[in-house]
C-alpha atoms as a PDB file:
ATOM      1  CA  UNK A   1      64.434   7.151 -35.877  1.00  0.00           C
ATOM      2  CA  UNK A   2      67.388   7.347 -38.250  1.00  0.00           C
ATOM      3  CA  UNK A   3      67.071   3.753 -39.413  1.00  0.00           C
ATOM      4  CA  UNK A   4      70.640   2.814 -38.412  1.00  0.00           C
ATOM      5  CA  UNK A   5      69.559   0.370 -35.687  1.00  0.00           C
ATOM      6  CA  UNK A   6      70.922   2.563 -32.871  1.00  0.00           C
ATOM      7  CA  UNK A   7      68.502   4.092 -30.350  1.00  0.00           C
ATOM      8  CA  UNK A   8      67.833   7.813 -30.711  1.00  0.00           C
ATOM      9  CA  UNK A   9      66.207  10.199 -28.248  1.00  0.00           C
ATOM     10  CA  UNK A  10      63.159  12.373 -28.807  1.00  0.00           C
ATOM     11  CA  UNK A  11      62.274  14.768 -26.029  1.00  0.00           C
ATOM     12  CA  UNK A  12      60.021  17.735 -25.404  1.00  0.00           C
ATOM     13  CA  UNK A  13      61.185  21.252 -24.527  1.00  0.00           C
ATOM     14  CA  UNK A  14      58.219  22.822 -22.808  1.00  0.00           C
ATOM     15  CA  UNK A  15      59.193  26.520 -22.900  1.00  0.00           C
ATOM     16  CA  UNK A  16      59.152  26.555 -26.722  1.00  0.00           C
ATOM     17  CA  UNK A  17      56.687  23.618 -27.109  1.00  0.00           C
ATOM     18  CA  UNK A  18      58.881  21.656 -29.532  1.00  0.00           C
ATOM     19  CA  UNK A  19      60.078  18.099 -29.915  1.00  0.00           C
ATOM     20  CA  UNK A  20      63.822  17.575 -30.327  1.00  0.00           C
ATOM     21  CA  UNK A  21      65.763  14.650 -31.726  1.00  0.00           C
ATOM     22  CA  UNK A  22      69.239  13.429 -30.736  1.00  0.00           C
ATOM     23  CA  UNK A  23      70.883  10.764 -32.838  1.00  0.00           C
ATOM     24  CA  UNK A  24      72.488   7.988 -30.825  1.00  0.00           C
ATOM     25  CA  UNK A  25      75.923   6.480 -31.470  1.00  0.00           C
ATOM     26  CA  UNK A  26      76.549   2.744 -31.257  1.00  0.00           C
ATOM     27  CA  UNK A  27      78.421   1.549 -28.174  1.00  0.00           C
ATOM     28  CA  UNK A  28      81.898   0.009 -28.466  1.00  0.00           C
ATOM     29  CA  UNK A  29      80.577  -3.540 -28.825  1.00  0.00           C
ATOM     30  CA  UNK A  30      77.967  -2.510 -31.402  1.00  0.00           C
ATOM     31  CA  UNK A  31      75.238  -4.138 -29.312  1.00  0.00           C
ATOM     32  CA  UNK A  32      73.378  -0.989 -28.286  1.00  0.00           C
ATOM     33  CA  UNK A  33      73.612   2.758 -27.842  1.00  0.00           C
ATOM     34  CA  UNK A  34      76.414   4.666 -26.135  1.00  0.00           C
ATOM     35  CA  UNK A  35      74.330   6.451 -23.489  1.00  0.00           C
ATOM     36  CA  UNK A  36      76.780   9.362 -23.439  1.00  0.00           C
ATOM     37  CA  UNK A  37      75.721  10.156 -27.018  1.00  0.00           C
ATOM     38  CA  UNK A  38      72.215  10.921 -25.739  1.00  0.00           C
ATOM     39  CA  UNK A  39      73.259  13.224 -22.872  1.00  0.00           C
ATOM     40  CA  UNK A  40      73.697  16.337 -25.027  1.00  0.00           C
ATOM     41  CA  UNK A  41      73.385  17.482 -28.605  1.00  0.00           C
ATOM     42  CA  UNK A  42      77.154  17.960 -28.782  1.00  0.00           C
ATOM     43  CA  UNK A  43      77.679  14.268 -27.940  1.00  0.00           C
ATOM     44  CA  UNK A  44      75.148  12.971 -30.469  1.00  0.00           C
ATOM     45  CA  UNK A  45      75.955  11.434 -33.847  1.00  0.00           C
ATOM     46  CA  UNK A  46      75.484  14.718 -35.699  1.00  0.00           C
ATOM     47  CA  UNK A  47      76.664  17.007 -32.883  1.00  0.00           C
ATOM     48  CA  UNK A  48      73.398  18.898 -32.441  1.00  0.00           C
ATOM     49  CA  UNK A  49      69.770  18.734 -31.352  1.00  0.00           C
ATOM     50  CA  UNK A  50      67.360  18.664 -34.273  1.00  0.00           C
ATOM     51  CA  UNK A  51      63.932  20.294 -34.064  1.00  0.00           C
ATOM     52  CA  UNK A  52      61.633  17.407 -34.922  1.00  0.00           C
ATOM     53  CA  UNK A  53      58.260  18.903 -34.001  1.00  0.00           C
ATOM     54  CA  UNK A  54      58.235  22.645 -34.471  1.00  0.00           C
ATOM     55  CA  UNK A  55      55.288  23.828 -32.345  1.00  0.00           C
ATOM     56  CA  UNK A  56      52.247  22.847 -30.306  1.00  0.00           C
ATOM     57  CA  UNK A  57      53.936  20.213 -28.139  1.00  0.00           C
ATOM     58  CA  UNK A  58      53.577  21.957 -24.741  1.00  0.00           C
ATOM     59  CA  UNK A  59      52.506  20.039 -21.636  1.00  0.00           C
ATOM     60  CA  UNK A  60      49.397  22.211 -21.500  1.00  0.00           C
ATOM     61  CA  UNK A  61      48.213  21.175 -24.985  1.00  0.00           C
ATOM     62  CA  UNK A  62      49.557  17.586 -24.933  1.00  0.00           C
ATOM     63  CA  UNK A  63      49.812  16.342 -21.334  1.00  0.00           C
ATOM     64  CA  UNK A  64      50.796  12.783 -22.314  1.00  0.00           C
ATOM     65  CA  UNK A  65      53.280  11.636 -24.956  1.00  0.00           C
ATOM     66  CA  UNK A  66      54.145   7.960 -25.266  1.00  0.00           C
ATOM     67  CA  UNK A  67      56.819   6.662 -27.609  1.00  0.00           C
ATOM     68  CA  UNK A  68      56.163   3.180 -28.943  1.00  0.00           C
ATOM     69  CA  UNK A  69      57.822   0.712 -31.261  1.00  0.00           C
ATOM     70  CA  UNK A  70      56.528   0.682 -34.803  1.00  0.00           C
ATOM     71  CA  UNK A  71      52.725   0.546 -34.967  1.00  0.00           C
ATOM     72  CA  UNK A  72      52.264   1.049 -38.707  1.00  0.00           C
ATOM     73  CA  UNK A  73      54.652  -1.590 -40.073  1.00  0.00           C
ATOM     74  CA  UNK A  74      57.181   0.783 -41.661  1.00  0.00           C
ATOM     75  CA  UNK A  75      59.988  -0.009 -39.140  1.00  0.00           C
ATOM     76  CA  UNK A  76      59.967   3.544 -37.733  1.00  0.00           C
ATOM     77  CA  UNK A  77      58.868   4.170 -34.101  1.00  0.00           C
ATOM     78  CA  UNK A  78      55.599   6.021 -33.604  1.00  0.00           C
ATOM     79  CA  UNK A  79      54.112   8.267 -30.892  1.00  0.00           C
ATOM     80  CA  UNK A  80      50.738   8.209 -29.175  1.00  0.00           C
ATOM     81  CA  UNK A  81      49.479  11.390 -27.512  1.00  0.00           C
ATOM     82  CA  UNK A  82      46.618  12.298 -25.225  1.00  0.00           C
ATOM     83  CA  UNK A  83      45.743  15.917 -25.837  1.00  0.00           C
ATOM     84  CA  UNK A  84      44.236  18.387 -23.358  1.00  0.00           C
ATOM     85  CA  UNK A  85      40.896  18.095 -25.204  1.00  0.00           C
ATOM     86  CA  UNK A  86      40.921  14.303 -24.412  1.00  0.00           C
ATOM     87  CA  UNK A  87      41.609  13.247 -27.997  1.00  0.00           C
ATOM     88  CA  UNK A  88      44.073  10.419 -28.522  1.00  0.00           C
ATOM     89  CA  UNK A  89      46.301  10.669 -31.598  1.00  0.00           C
ATOM     90  CA  UNK A  90      48.825   8.440 -33.265  1.00  0.00           C
ATOM     91  CA  UNK A  91      51.733  10.252 -34.927  1.00  0.00           C
ATOM     92  CA  UNK A  92      53.578   8.040 -37.363  1.00  0.00           C
ATOM     93  CA  UNK A  93      57.337   8.338 -37.448  1.00  0.00           C
ATOM     94  CA  UNK A  94      59.168   9.560 -40.508  1.00  0.00           C
ATOM     95  CA  UNK A  95      62.560   8.269 -41.592  1.00  0.00           C
ATOM     96  CA  UNK A  96      63.595  11.719 -42.842  1.00  0.00           C
ATOM     97  CA  UNK A  97      64.835  13.792 -39.924  1.00  0.00           C
ATOM     98  CA  UNK A  98      63.453  17.222 -39.346  1.00  0.00           C
ATOM     99  CA  UNK A  99      59.932  16.199 -40.332  1.00  0.00           C
ATOM    100  CA  UNK A 100      57.095  16.217 -37.892  1.00  0.00           C
ATOM    101  CA  UNK A 101      54.899  13.188 -37.454  1.00  0.00           C
ATOM    102  CA  UNK A 102      51.502  13.572 -38.985  1.00  0.00           C
ATOM    103  CA  UNK A 103      48.417  12.380 -37.127  1.00  0.00           C
ATOM    104  CA  UNK A 104      47.496   9.002 -38.509  1.00  0.00           C
ATOM    105  CA  UNK A 105      44.296   8.516 -36.626  1.00  0.00           C
ATOM    106  CA  UNK A 106      42.201  10.661 -34.344  1.00  0.00           C
ATOM    107  CA  UNK A 107      39.971   8.892 -31.856  1.00  0.00           C
ATOM    108  CA  UNK A 108      38.146   9.891 -28.701  1.00  0.00           C
ATOM    109  CA  UNK A 109      39.677   8.908 -25.363  1.00  0.00           C
ATOM    110  CA  UNK A 110      36.213   8.054 -24.041  1.00  0.00           C
END
């Protein structure tokens, strides 16, 4: 997500229906992510959890969230969702942290 080539973590917090972002830190060999950096906000590259999607991300409204590699060709991972109303949406990733994905395409699941 940050564009540094190191894996980051996006996760949902259901009580407040938000998406959070943790920046990963490269492992000692530089060949991947130090998994400890993803275990808590304090261990992440910036020392905190960032609110990436501010509202509406509850399990009740969006039962399925699937992170995928880049779909749009901009080198930023994207997210597919299946909403409670059966709509499938593609949210395109943004390089700037703290910005919510915007639905790229809305299509029926049927």
